[in-house]
C-alpha atoms as a PDB file:
ATOM      1  CA  MET A   1       0.000   0.000   0.000  1.00  0.00           C
ATOM      2  CA  HIS A   2       1.467   3.285  -1.075  1.00  0.00           C
ATOM      3  CA  ALA A   3       0.571   6.854  -0.279  1.00  0.00           C
ATOM      4  CA  ASP A   4      -1.599   8.535  -2.891  1.00  0.00           C
ATOM      5  CA  SER A   5      -0.408  12.065  -3.402  1.00  0.00           C
ATOM      6  CA  SER A   6      -3.861  13.034  -4.673  1.00  0.00           C
ATOM      7  CA  SER A   7      -5.538  12.127  -1.379  1.00  0.00           C
ATOM      8  CA  ALA A   8      -2.836  12.867   1.193  1.00  0.00           C
ATOM      9  CA  LYS A   9      -0.093  15.363   1.707  1.00  0.00           C
ATOM     10  CA  THR A  10       2.324  16.135   4.470  1.00  0.00           C
ATOM     11  CA  SER A  11       2.828  19.576   5.865  1.00  0.00           C
ATOM     12  CA  GLU A  12       5.010  21.190   8.493  1.00  0.00           C
ATOM     13  CA  SER A  13       2.922  22.366  11.443  1.00  0.00           C
ATOM     14  CA  SER A  14       5.335  25.240  11.818  1.00  0.00           C
ATOM     15  CA  SER A  15       3.342  26.999   9.116  1.00  0.00           C
ATOM     16  CA  GLN A  16       1.006  29.577  10.614  1.00  0.00           C
ATOM     17  CA  SER A  17      -2.266  27.813   9.774  1.00  0.00           C
ATOM     18  CA  HIS A  18      -1.315  24.444  11.186  1.00  0.00           C
ATOM     19  CA  ALA A  19       0.449  25.840  14.209  1.00  0.00           C
ATOM     20  CA  GLY A  20      -2.557  27.917  15.154  1.00  0.00           C
ATOM     21  CA  ALA A  21      -4.966  25.047  14.700  1.00  0.00           C
ATOM     22  CA  ALA A  22      -2.705  22.579  16.438  1.00  0.00           C
ATOM     23  CA  GLU A  23      -2.668  24.834  19.462  1.00  0.00           C
ATOM     24  CA  ASP A  24      -6.428  25.363  19.319  1.00  0.00           C
ATOM     25  CA  TRP A  25      -7.478  22.335  21.355  1.00  0.00           C
ATOM     26  CA  THR A  26      -4.577  22.609  23.802  1.00  0.00           C
ATOM     27  CA  SER A  27      -5.333  26.256  24.565  1.00  0.00           C
ATOM     28  CA  LYS A  28      -8.929  25.568  25.585  1.00  0.00           C
ATOM     29  CA  LYS A  29      -9.389  25.314  29.338  1.00  0.00           C
ATOM     30  CA  GLU A  30     -11.158  22.212  30.593  1.00  0.00           C
ATOM     31  CA  ARG A  31     -14.516  23.250  32.066  1.00  0.00           C
ATOM     32  CA  GLY A  32     -14.168  20.688  34.848  1.00  0.00           C
ATOM     33  CA  CYS A  33     -11.739  20.744  37.749  1.00  0.00           C
ATOM     34  CA  LEU A  34     -10.450  18.327  40.365  1.00  0.00           C
ATOM     35  CA  VAL A  35     -13.003  19.490  42.937  1.00  0.00           C
ATOM     36  CA  GLY A  36     -15.804  18.920  40.448  1.00  0.00           C
ATOM     37  CA  LEU A  37     -14.454  15.478  39.664  1.00  0.00           C
ATOM     38  CA  LYS A  38     -14.369  14.572  43.334  1.00  0.00           C
ATOM     39  CA  ILE A  39     -17.989  15.675  43.680  1.00  0.00           C
ATOM     40  CA  MET A  40     -18.905  13.553  40.674  1.00  0.00           C
ATOM     41  CA  VAL A  41     -17.078  10.569  42.187  1.00  0.00           C
ATOM     42  CA  TRP A  42     -18.954  11.023  45.467  1.00  0.00           C
ATOM     43  CA  ILE A  43     -22.325  11.181  43.695  1.00  0.00           C
ATOM     44  CA  ALA A  44     -21.477   8.202  41.475  1.00  0.00           C
ATOM     45  CA  THR A  45     -20.367   6.005  44.360  1.00  0.00           C
ATOM     46  CA  THR A  46     -23.047   7.137  46.824  1.00  0.00           C
ATOM     47  CA  PHE A  47     -26.148   7.105  44.643  1.00  0.00           C
ATOM     48  CA  GLY A  48     -25.194   4.703  41.864  1.00  0.00           C
ATOM     49  CA  ARG A  49     -24.975   4.859  38.102  1.00  0.00           C
ATOM     50  CA  ARG A  50     -28.686   5.243  37.273  1.00  0.00           C
ATOM     51  CA  PHE A  51     -29.226   8.270  39.509  1.00  0.00           C
ATOM     52  CA  SER A  52     -25.905   9.820  38.470  1.00  0.00           C
ATOM     53  CA  ARG A  53     -26.821   9.521  34.797  1.00  0.00           C
ATOM     54  CA  SER A  54     -30.142  11.277  35.444  1.00  0.00           C
ATOM     55  CA  LEU A  55     -28.206  14.310  36.689  1.00  0.00           C
ATOM     56  CA  LEU A  56     -26.475  14.596  33.337  1.00  0.00           C
ATOM     57  CA  TYR A  57     -29.623  15.938  31.626  1.00  0.00           C
ATOM     58  CA  PRO A  58     -29.724  19.322  33.385  1.00  0.00           C
ATOM     59  CA  VAL A  59     -25.929  19.536  33.174  1.00  0.00           C
ATOM     60  CA  ILE A  60     -26.020  19.107  29.379  1.00  0.00           C
ATOM     61  CA  ALA A  61     -28.937  21.526  29.057  1.00  0.00           C
ATOM     62  CA  TYR A  62     -26.856  24.120  30.906  1.00  0.00           C
ATOM     63  CA  TYR A  63     -23.839  23.308  28.733  1.00  0.00           C
ATOM     64  CA  LEU A  64     -25.895  23.881  25.570  1.00  0.00           C
ATOM     65  CA  LEU A  65     -26.607  27.411  26.768  1.00  0.00           C
ATOM     66  CA  THR A  66     -23.135  28.311  28.030  1.00  0.00           C
ATOM     67  CA  ALA A  67     -20.638  26.577  25.737  1.00  0.00           C
ATOM     68  CA  PRO A  68     -21.216  27.983  22.224  1.00  0.00           C
ATOM     69  CA  ASP A  69     -17.839  26.844  20.900  1.00  0.00           C
ATOM     70  CA  ALA A  70     -18.448  23.210  21.853  1.00  0.00           C
ATOM     71  CA  VAL A  71     -21.978  23.364  20.439  1.00  0.00           C
ATOM     72  CA  ALA A  72     -20.690  24.823  17.159  1.00  0.00           C
ATOM     73  CA  SER A  73     -17.993  22.137  16.930  1.00  0.00           C
ATOM     74  CA  SER A  74     -20.560  19.422  17.599  1.00  0.00           C
ATOM     75  CA  ARG A  75     -22.823  20.854  14.898  1.00  0.00           C
ATOM     76  CA  LEU A  76     -19.966  20.947  12.386  1.00  0.00           C
ATOM     77  CA  TYR A  77     -18.925  17.361  13.076  1.00  0.00           C
ATOM     78  CA  LEU A  78     -22.484  15.995  13.095  1.00  0.00           C
ATOM     79  CA  SER A  79     -23.307  17.700   9.800  1.00  0.00           C
ATOM     80  CA  ARG A  80     -20.380  15.815   8.227  1.00  0.00           C
ATOM     81  CA  VAL A  81     -20.958  12.411   9.799  1.00  0.00           C
ATOM     82  CA  LEU A  82     -24.773  12.417   9.540  1.00  0.00           C
ATOM     83  CA  GLY A  83     -24.845  14.004   6.091  1.00  0.00           C
ATOM     84  CA  ARG A  84     -27.559  16.486   7.114  1.00  0.00           C
ATOM     85  CA  THR A  85     -28.101  19.541   9.258  1.00  0.00           C
ATOM     86  CA  PRO A  86     -28.089  18.279  12.859  1.00  0.00           C
ATOM     87  CA  ARG A  87     -31.089  19.032  15.043  1.00  0.00           C
ATOM     88  CA  ARG A  88     -30.734  20.350  18.578  1.00  0.00           C
ATOM     89  CA  ARG A  89     -31.541  16.908  19.947  1.00  0.00           C
ATOM     90  CA  ASP A  90     -28.642  15.477  17.914  1.00  0.00           C
ATOM     91  CA  ILE A  91     -26.255  17.919  19.563  1.00  0.00           C
ATOM     92  CA  PHE A  92     -27.779  17.147  22.973  1.00  0.00           C
ATOM     93  CA  ARG A  93     -27.297  13.423  22.355  1.00  0.00           C
ATOM     94  CA  HIS A  94     -23.697  14.021  21.282  1.00  0.00           C
ATOM     95  CA  LEU A  95     -22.850  15.971  24.441  1.00  0.00           C
ATOM     96  CA  TYR A  96     -24.790  13.532  26.615  1.00  0.00           C
ATOM     97  CA  THR A  97     -22.865  10.576  25.212  1.00  0.00           C
ATOM     98  CA  PHE A  98     -19.614  12.334  26.075  1.00  0.00           C
ATOM     99  CA  ALA A  99     -20.815  13.046  29.625  1.00  0.00           C
ATOM    100  CA  ALA A 100     -22.042   9.462  30.078  1.00  0.00           C
ATOM    101  CA  VAL A 101     -18.687   8.063  28.980  1.00  0.00           C
ATOM    102  CA  VAL A 102     -16.876  10.426  31.370  1.00  0.00           C
ATOM    103  CA  LEU A 103     -19.141   9.255  34.202  1.00  0.00           C
ATOM    104  CA  ASP A 104     -18.483   5.610  33.371  1.00  0.00           C
ATOM    105  CA  ARG A 105     -14.763   6.344  33.635  1.00  0.00           C
ATOM    106  CA  VAL A 106     -15.295   6.637  37.391  1.00  0.00           C
ATOM    107  CA  TYR A 107     -16.693   3.100  37.585  1.00  0.00           C
ATOM    108  CA  PHE A 108     -13.966   1.711  35.347  1.00  0.00           C
ATOM    109  CA  LEU A 109     -11.273   3.254  37.522  1.00  0.00           C
ATOM    110  CA  LEU A 110     -12.935   1.862  40.635  1.00  0.00           C
ATOM    111  CA  GLY A 111     -12.893  -1.611  39.085  1.00  0.00           C
ATOM    112  CA  HIS A 112     -16.673  -2.054  38.812  1.00  0.00           C
ATOM    113  CA  ALA A 113     -16.556  -4.208  35.695  1.00  0.00           C
ATOM    114  CA  GLU A 114     -19.699  -6.040  36.804  1.00  0.00           C
ATOM    115  CA  LYS A 115     -21.781  -2.971  35.945  1.00  0.00           C
ATOM    116  CA  PHE A 116     -20.978  -3.257  32.251  1.00  0.00           C
ATOM    117  CA  ASP A 117     -21.403  -5.540  29.268  1.00  0.00           C
ATOM    118  CA  VAL A 118     -17.975  -5.263  27.615  1.00  0.00           C
ATOM    119  CA  ARG A 119     -17.230  -7.295  24.503  1.00  0.00           C
ATOM    120  CA  VAL A 120     -13.918  -7.590  22.692  1.00  0.00           C
ATOM    121  CA  LEU A 121     -14.430  -7.827  18.924  1.00  0.00           C
ATOM    122  CA  SER A 122     -12.079  -8.416  15.988  1.00  0.00           C
ATOM    123  CA  ASP A 123      -9.528  -9.363  18.601  1.00  0.00           C
ATOM    124  CA  HIS A 124      -6.799 -10.740  16.348  1.00  0.00           C
ATOM    125  CA  TYR A 125      -4.242  -9.412  18.775  1.00  0.00           C
ATOM    126  CA  MET A 126      -5.349 -11.503  21.726  1.00  0.00           C
ATOM    127  CA  GLU A 127      -5.979 -14.658  19.699  1.00  0.00           C
ATOM    128  CA  HIS A 128      -3.492 -14.702  16.862  1.00  0.00           C
ATOM    129  CA  ASP A 129      -0.593 -12.375  17.591  1.00  0.00           C
ATOM    130  CA  ILE A 130       1.098 -13.800  20.656  1.00  0.00           C
ATOM    131  CA  PRO A 131       4.593 -13.490  19.097  1.00  0.00           C
ATOM    132  CA  ALA A 132       3.893  -9.814  18.296  1.00  0.00           C
ATOM    133  CA  ARG A 133       2.649  -9.256  21.829  1.00  0.00           C
ATOM    134  CA  GLU A 134       5.799 -10.730  23.350  1.00  0.00           C
ATOM    135  CA  LYS A 135       7.960  -8.107  21.665  1.00  0.00           C
ATOM    136  CA  GLY A 136       5.627  -5.146  22.280  1.00  0.00           C
ATOM    137  CA  VAL A 137       3.194  -3.320  20.010  1.00  0.00           C
ATOM    138  CA  PHE A 138       1.649   0.115  19.544  1.00  0.00           C
ATOM    139  CA  LEU A 139      -2.086   0.647  20.132  1.00  0.00           C
ATOM    140  CA  MET A 140      -3.357   3.736  18.290  1.00  0.00           C
ATOM    141  CA  GLY A 141      -6.597   5.137  19.642  1.00  0.00           C
ATOM    142  CA  ALA A 142      -8.523   8.386  19.231  1.00  0.00           C
ATOM    143  CA  HIS A 143     -10.672  10.792  21.202  1.00  0.00           C
ATOM    144  CA  MET A 144     -13.631   8.612  20.383  1.00  0.00           C
ATOM    145  CA  GLY A 145     -15.564   6.345  22.691  1.00  0.00           C
ATOM    146  CA  SER A 146     -13.916   5.216  25.920  1.00  0.00           C
ATOM    147  CA  PHE A 147     -10.206   4.668  26.293  1.00  0.00           C
ATOM    148  CA  GLU A 148     -10.808   3.831  29.950  1.00  0.00           C
ATOM    149  CA  VAL A 149     -12.679   0.633  29.097  1.00  0.00           C
ATOM    150  CA  VAL A 150      -9.610  -0.571  27.179  1.00  0.00           C
ATOM    151  CA  ARG A 151      -7.414   0.189  30.192  1.00  0.00           C
ATOM    152  CA  MET A 152      -9.820  -1.638  32.494  1.00  0.00           C
ATOM    153  CA  VAL A 153      -9.537  -4.789  30.391  1.00  0.00           C
ATOM    154  CA  SER A 154      -5.745  -4.537  30.369  1.00  0.00           C
ATOM    155  CA  ARG A 155      -5.694  -4.187  34.162  1.00  0.00           C
ATOM    156  CA  GLN A 156      -7.677  -7.416  34.455  1.00  0.00           C
ATOM    157  CA  CYS A 157      -5.003  -9.348  32.533  1.00  0.00           C
ATOM    158  CA  ASP A 158      -1.796  -9.695  34.527  1.00  0.00           C
ATOM    159  CA  GLU A 159       0.209 -10.575  31.423  1.00  0.00           C
ATOM    160  CA  LEU A 160      -0.791  -7.344  29.646  1.00  0.00           C
ATOM    161  CA  LYS A 161       1.168  -4.245  30.589  1.00  0.00           C
ATOM    162  CA  LEU A 162      -0.279  -1.055  29.121  1.00  0.00           C
ATOM    163  CA  VAL A 163       1.868   2.088  28.964  1.00  0.00           C
ATOM    164  CA  LEU A 164       0.264   5.352  27.880  1.00  0.00           C
ATOM    165  CA  LEU A 165       1.858   8.141  25.875  1.00  0.00           C
ATOM    166  CA  MET A 166       0.277  11.551  26.451  1.00  0.00           C
ATOM    167  CA  PHE A 167       1.028  15.211  25.990  1.00  0.00           C
ATOM    168  CA  GLU A 168       2.551  16.487  29.193  1.00  0.00           C
ATOM    169  CA  GLU A 169      -0.409  18.587  30.374  1.00  0.00           C
ATOM    170  CA  ASN A 170      -2.858  15.743  29.705  1.00  0.00           C
ATOM    171  CA  ALA A 171      -0.568  13.318  31.517  1.00  0.00           C
ATOM    172  CA  ARG A 172      -0.714  15.490  34.631  1.00  0.00           C
ATOM    173  CA  LYS A 173      -4.498  15.747  34.465  1.00  0.00           C
ATOM    174  CA  ILE A 174      -5.011  12.009  33.981  1.00  0.00           C
ATOM    175  CA  SER A 175      -2.596  11.157  36.792  1.00  0.00           C
ATOM    176  CA  ALA A 176      -4.433  13.572  39.098  1.00  0.00           C
ATOM    177  CA  LEU A 177      -7.756  12.064  38.055  1.00  0.00           C
ATOM    178  CA  MET A 178      -6.648   8.497  38.736  1.00  0.00           C
ATOM    179  CA  THR A 179      -5.126   9.476  42.061  1.00  0.00           C
ATOM    180  CA  ALA A 180      -8.336  11.227  43.100  1.00  0.00           C
ATOM    181  CA  ILE A 181     -10.552   8.286  42.143  1.00  0.00           C
ATOM    182  CA  ASN A 182      -8.456   5.191  42.782  1.00  0.00           C
ATOM    183  CA  PRO A 183      -4.666   5.339  43.286  1.00  0.00           C
ATOM    184  CA  ALA A 184      -4.505   1.553  42.879  1.00  0.00           C
ATOM    185  CA  ALA A 185      -5.677   1.942  39.267  1.00  0.00           C
ATOM    186  CA  GLN A 186      -2.597   3.931  38.250  1.00  0.00           C
ATOM    187  CA  GLN A 187      -0.856   2.800  35.076  1.00  0.00           C
ATOM    188  CA  GLU A 188       2.418   4.078  33.725  1.00  0.00           C
ATOM    189  CA  ILE A 189       2.047   7.297  31.746  1.00  0.00           C
ATOM    190  CA  VAL A 190       4.957   8.578  29.661  1.00  0.00           C
ATOM    191  CA  PRO A 191       4.661  12.341  29.002  1.00  0.00           C
ATOM    192  CA  LEU A 192       5.573  13.283  25.448  1.00  0.00           C
ATOM    193  CA  GLY A 193       7.808  16.237  24.795  1.00  0.00           C
ATOM    194  CA  ASN A 194      10.762  15.368  27.004  1.00  0.00           C
ATOM    195  CA  LEU A 195      14.040  13.793  25.932  1.00  0.00           C
ATOM    196  CA  SER A 196      13.653  10.596  27.929  1.00  0.00           C
ATOM    197  CA  ALA A 197      10.258   9.649  26.471  1.00  0.00           C
ATOM    198  CA  MET A 198      11.645   7.759  23.468  1.00  0.00           C
ATOM    199  CA  LEU A 199      14.098   5.775  25.588  1.00  0.00           C
ATOM    200  CA  THR A 200      11.323   4.847  28.000  1.00  0.00           C
ATOM    201  CA  VAL A 201       9.079   3.730  25.146  1.00  0.00           C
ATOM    202  CA  LYS A 202      11.870   1.625  23.666  1.00  0.00           C
ATOM    203  CA  ASP A 203      12.498  -0.048  27.021  1.00  0.00           C
ATOM    204  CA  ARG A 204       8.822  -0.784  27.607  1.00  0.00           C
ATOM    205  CA  LEU A 205       8.400  -2.267  24.148  1.00  0.00           C
ATOM    206  CA  ALA A 206      11.403  -4.508  24.761  1.00  0.00           C
ATOM    207  CA  GLU A 207       9.638  -5.696  27.917  1.00  0.00           C
ATOM    208  CA  GLY A 208       6.589  -6.653  25.839  1.00  0.00           C
ATOM    209  CA  ALA A 209       4.341  -3.781  26.872  1.00  0.00           C
ATOM    210  CA  LEU A 210       1.434  -2.341  24.920  1.00  0.00           C
ATOM    211  CA  VAL A 211       2.172   1.299  24.155  1.00  0.00           C
ATOM    212  CA  GLY A 212      -1.075   3.227  23.767  1.00  0.00           C
ATOM    213  CA  ILE A 213      -1.478   6.684  22.279  1.00  0.00           C
ATOM    214  CA  LEU A 214      -4.432   8.718  21.026  1.00  0.00           C
ATOM    215  CA  ALA A 215      -3.200   9.521  17.540  1.00  0.00           C
ATOM    216  CA  ASP A 216      -5.865  11.872  16.228  1.00  0.00           C
ATOM    217  CA  ARG A 217      -4.441  15.135  17.585  1.00  0.00           C
ATOM    218  CA  SER A 218      -1.226  17.045  16.962  1.00  0.00           C
ATOM    219  CA  ILE A 219       0.485  19.664  19.054  1.00  0.00           C
ATOM    220  CA  GLY A 220       2.921  22.534  18.521  1.00  0.00           C
ATOM    221  CA  SER A 221       5.377  22.080  15.662  1.00  0.00           C
ATOM    222  CA  GLU A 222       4.580  18.404  15.121  1.00  0.00           C
ATOM    223  CA  LYS A 223       4.491  17.417  11.464  1.00  0.00           C
ATOM    224  CA  THR A 224       1.086  16.410  10.130  1.00  0.00           C
ATOM    225  CA  ALA A 225      -0.381  14.668   7.111  1.00  0.00           C
ATOM    226  CA  THR A 226      -3.565  16.040   5.589  1.00  0.00           C
ATOM    227  CA  LEU A 227      -5.938  13.179   4.834  1.00  0.00           C
ATOM    228  CA  PRO A 228      -9.567  13.014   3.702  1.00  0.00           C
ATOM    229  CA  PHE A 229     -11.848  12.429   6.680  1.00  0.00           C
ATOM    230  CA  LEU A 230     -15.650  12.562   6.560  1.00  0.00           C
ATOM    231  CA  GLY A 231     -15.599  14.347   3.231  1.00  0.00           C
ATOM    232  CA  ALA A 232     -12.993  17.039   3.906  1.00  0.00           C
ATOM    233  CA  PRO A 233      -9.213  17.225   4.449  1.00  0.00           C
ATOM    234  CA  ALA A 234      -8.055  17.112   8.069  1.00  0.00           C
ATOM    235  CA  PRO A 235      -4.572  17.115   9.632  1.00  0.00           C
ATOM    236  CA  PHE A 236      -3.358  14.015  11.497  1.00  0.00           C
ATOM    237  CA  ALA A 237      -0.156  13.782  13.502  1.00  0.00           C
ATOM    238  CA  MET A 238       2.624  11.749  11.897  1.00  0.00           C
ATOM    239  CA  GLY A 239       4.659  11.429  15.097  1.00  0.00           C
ATOM    240  CA  PRO A 240       3.007   8.289  16.553  1.00  0.00           C
ATOM    241  CA  PHE A 241       3.343   6.384  13.289  1.00  0.00           C
ATOM    242  CA  ARG A 242       6.907   7.543  12.699  1.00  0.00           C
ATOM    243  CA  MET A 243       7.748   6.325  16.189  1.00  0.00           C
ATOM    244  CA  ALA A 244       6.294   2.884  15.424  1.00  0.00           C
ATOM    245  CA  ALA A 245       8.225   2.774  12.139  1.00  0.00           C
ATOM    246  CA  MET A 246      11.483   3.817  13.787  1.00  0.00           C
ATOM    247  CA  MET A 247      11.073   1.131  16.454  1.00  0.00           C
ATOM    248  CA  ARG A 248       9.859  -1.450  13.917  1.00  0.00           C
ATOM    249  CA  ARG A 249       6.773  -2.527  15.782  1.00  0.00           C
ATOM    250  CA  PRO A 250       3.272  -3.683  14.786  1.00  0.00           C
ATOM    251  CA  VAL A 251       0.469  -1.119  15.053  1.00  0.00           C
ATOM    252  CA  PHE A 252      -3.088  -1.892  16.109  1.00  0.00           C
ATOM    253  CA  LEU A 253      -6.133   0.332  16.154  1.00  0.00           C
ATOM    254  CA  MET A 254      -7.884   0.336  19.541  1.00  0.00           C
ATOM    255  CA  MET A 255     -11.414   1.614  19.951  1.00  0.00           C
ATOM    256  CA  GLY A 256     -13.750   1.320  22.953  1.00  0.00           C
ATOM    257  CA  VAL A 257     -17.123   2.201  21.416  1.00  0.00           C
ATOM    258  CA  TYR A 258     -20.052   3.071  23.694  1.00  0.00           C
ATOM    259  CA  LEU A 259     -23.319   1.588  22.429  1.00  0.00           C
ATOM    260  CA  GLY A 260     -25.720   2.926  25.041  1.00  0.00           C
ATOM    261  CA  GLY A 261     -26.943   1.519  28.323  1.00  0.00           C
ATOM    262  CA  ASN A 262     -24.065  -0.415  29.871  1.00  0.00           C
ATOM    263  CA  ARG A 263     -22.674  -1.821  26.607  1.00  0.00           C
ATOM    264  CA  TYR A 264     -19.164  -1.210  25.257  1.00  0.00           C
ATOM    265  CA  ASP A 265     -17.470  -2.922  22.321  1.00  0.00           C
ATOM    266  CA  ILE A 266     -13.681  -2.973  22.200  1.00  0.00           C
ATOM    267  CA  HIS A 267     -12.182  -3.234  18.721  1.00  0.00           C
ATOM    268  CA  ILE A 268      -8.498  -4.115  18.324  1.00  0.00           C
ATOM    269  CA  GLU A 269      -7.407  -4.402  14.702  1.00  0.00           C
ATOM    270  CA  ARG A 270      -4.014  -4.662  13.054  1.00  0.00           C
ATOM    271  CA  ILE A 271      -3.496  -1.716  10.710  1.00  0.00           C
ATOM    272  CA  ALA A 272       0.276  -1.853  10.071  1.00  0.00           C
ATOM    273  CA  ASP A 273       3.385  -3.851  10.845  1.00  0.00           C
ATOM    274  CA  PHE A 274       6.752  -2.129  10.747  1.00  0.00           C
ATOM    275  CA  SER A 275       8.585  -5.072  12.332  1.00  0.00           C
ATOM    276  CA  ASP A 276       9.678  -6.404   8.940  1.00  0.00           C
ATOM    277  CA  ALA A 277      10.764  -3.048   7.502  1.00  0.00           C
ATOM    278  CA  ALA A 278      13.263  -3.763   4.753  1.00  0.00           C
ATOM    279  CA  ASP A 279      16.060  -1.266   4.330  1.00  0.00           C
ATOM    280  CA  GLY A 280      14.827   1.583   6.513  1.00  0.00           C
ATOM    281  CA  SER A 281      15.373   4.114   3.731  1.00  0.00           C
ATOM    282  CA  CYS A 282      13.724   7.464   4.215  1.00  0.00           C
ATOM    283  CA  ARG A 283      11.531   7.037   1.117  1.00  0.00           C
ATOM    284  CA  ASN A 284      10.283   3.584   2.088  1.00  0.00           C
ATOM    285  CA  SER A 285       9.733   4.662   5.662  1.00  0.00           C
ATOM    286  CA  GLU A 286       7.634   7.680   4.654  1.00  0.00           C
ATOM    287  CA  GLU A 287       5.534   5.529   2.314  1.00  0.00           C
ATOM    288  CA  GLN A 288       4.939   2.969   5.065  1.00  0.00           C
ATOM    289  CA  VAL A 289       4.025   5.675   7.561  1.00  0.00           C
ATOM    290  CA  MET A 290       1.576   7.236   5.137  1.00  0.00           C
ATOM    291  CA  ALA A 291       0.016   3.856   4.349  1.00  0.00           C
ATOM    292  CA  ALA A 292      -0.426   3.159   8.054  1.00  0.00           C
ATOM    293  CA  MET A 293      -2.000   6.590   8.592  1.00  0.00           C
ATOM    294  CA  GLN A 294      -4.398   6.104   5.702  1.00  0.00           C
ATOM    295  CA  ALA A 295      -5.483   2.773   7.182  1.00  0.00           C
ATOM    296  CA  TYR A 296      -5.926   4.395  10.599  1.00  0.00           C
ATOM    297  CA  VAL A 297      -8.006   7.289   9.254  1.00  0.00           C
ATOM    298  CA  ALA A 298     -10.145   4.940   7.145  1.00  0.00           C
ATOM    299  CA  ARG A 299     -11.035   2.844  10.202  1.00  0.00           C
ATOM    300  CA  LEU A 300     -11.582   5.973  12.296  1.00  0.00           C
ATOM    301  CA  GLU A 301     -14.074   7.183   9.695  1.00  0.00           C
ATOM    302  CA  HIS A 302     -15.740   3.753   9.706  1.00  0.00           C
ATOM    303  CA  PHE A 303     -16.329   3.844  13.461  1.00  0.00           C
ATOM    304  CA  ALA A 304     -17.404   7.501  13.366  1.00  0.00           C
ATOM    305  CA  ARG A 305     -20.105   6.690  10.833  1.00  0.00           C
ATOM    306  CA  GLN A 306     -21.083   3.519  12.706  1.00  0.00           C
ATOM    307  CA  SER A 307     -21.316   5.248  16.128  1.00  0.00           C
ATOM    308  CA  PRO A 308     -21.458   8.974  15.319  1.00  0.00           C
ATOM    309  CA  TYR A 309     -22.105  10.249  18.847  1.00  0.00           C
ATOM    310  CA  ASN A 310     -18.869   8.718  20.161  1.00  0.00           C
ATOM    311  CA  TRP A 311     -16.683  11.480  18.656  1.00  0.00           C
ATOM    312  CA  PHE A 312     -15.224  13.714  21.403  1.00  0.00           C
ATOM    313  CA  ASN A 313     -13.053  16.276  19.592  1.00  0.00           C
ATOM    314  CA  PHE A 314     -14.986  19.435  20.446  1.00  0.00           C
ATOM    315  CA  TYR A 315     -13.112  21.897  18.243  1.00  0.00           C
ATOM    316  CA  ASP A 316     -12.811  22.540  14.504  1.00  0.00           C
ATOM    317  CA  PHE A 317     -11.042  19.323  13.625  1.00  0.00           C
ATOM    318  CA  TRP A 318     -10.872  20.257   9.922  1.00  0.00           C
ATOM    319  CA  GLN A 319      -9.302  23.681  10.555  1.00  0.00           C
ATOM    320  CA  GLY A 320     -11.917  25.411   8.432  1.00  0.00           C
ATOM    321  CA  ASN A 321     -11.311  23.219   5.361  1.00  0.00           C
ATOM    322  CA  ALA A 322     -14.361  22.800   3.153  1.00  0.00           C
END
């Protein structure tokens, strides 16, 4: 599989348009805070999931009135994925799904697996790729569905060690969240952007760990590839895929899709394998990276269309592209 120059192009994020857009999502303050999270944890654990979910309705109604940027981003995304002008109830459902998944994160972190119907589908990794697992692989996710349900499953399997790669600010927030909810649920998080990150990743892969990263966002001067996504070009970070190519590891898509009620489906699919990279030439490497990214984006689009309200990038993901 080779990159098609007519459907994909690479671009340096140091250009003004990409740099500004890349910083867009990182510059937005999270509306929640640690105190709010602790209150949510107390409500969730004291009154249970059903009552806690009922409280989400007034919260989302308030959010619809006070968060115009998020509402506009939801409308833009839904118009693309649904192929029509979204109604207000569509936007409400989109925001509610996000809030419900965030609430369920509390139960996942507390180890309440019995509350959920979690199914692992297309699980070639677990069943057929034991040799690949023994030497470590990359799991590429996205801000779609629940990453926490994937982590919960990994915590239940002693032989699976999951290491997370995150932007430094997000790493701090997630660590604080896990500490506040359940310190025993902590998993290793490697903050991107420091010099030791690559060495740590290399060591963990050599130990057979799963290295997970949400690969749908870029930051700062990171190089991106512009690929067609839901009918318009959108920038995707090349860094995660270049890292997998440099370390010659298999790459799997991971997706924890929320289907309503207490049901989650986990999809783990092989999308690339850099372990047999031939000569490591720059040209071949770039072609392999682009092919892997095209496969990733194609599957991301598939799941977005299949479960449209699971998309949780509440900013202009397409950077104003038509």
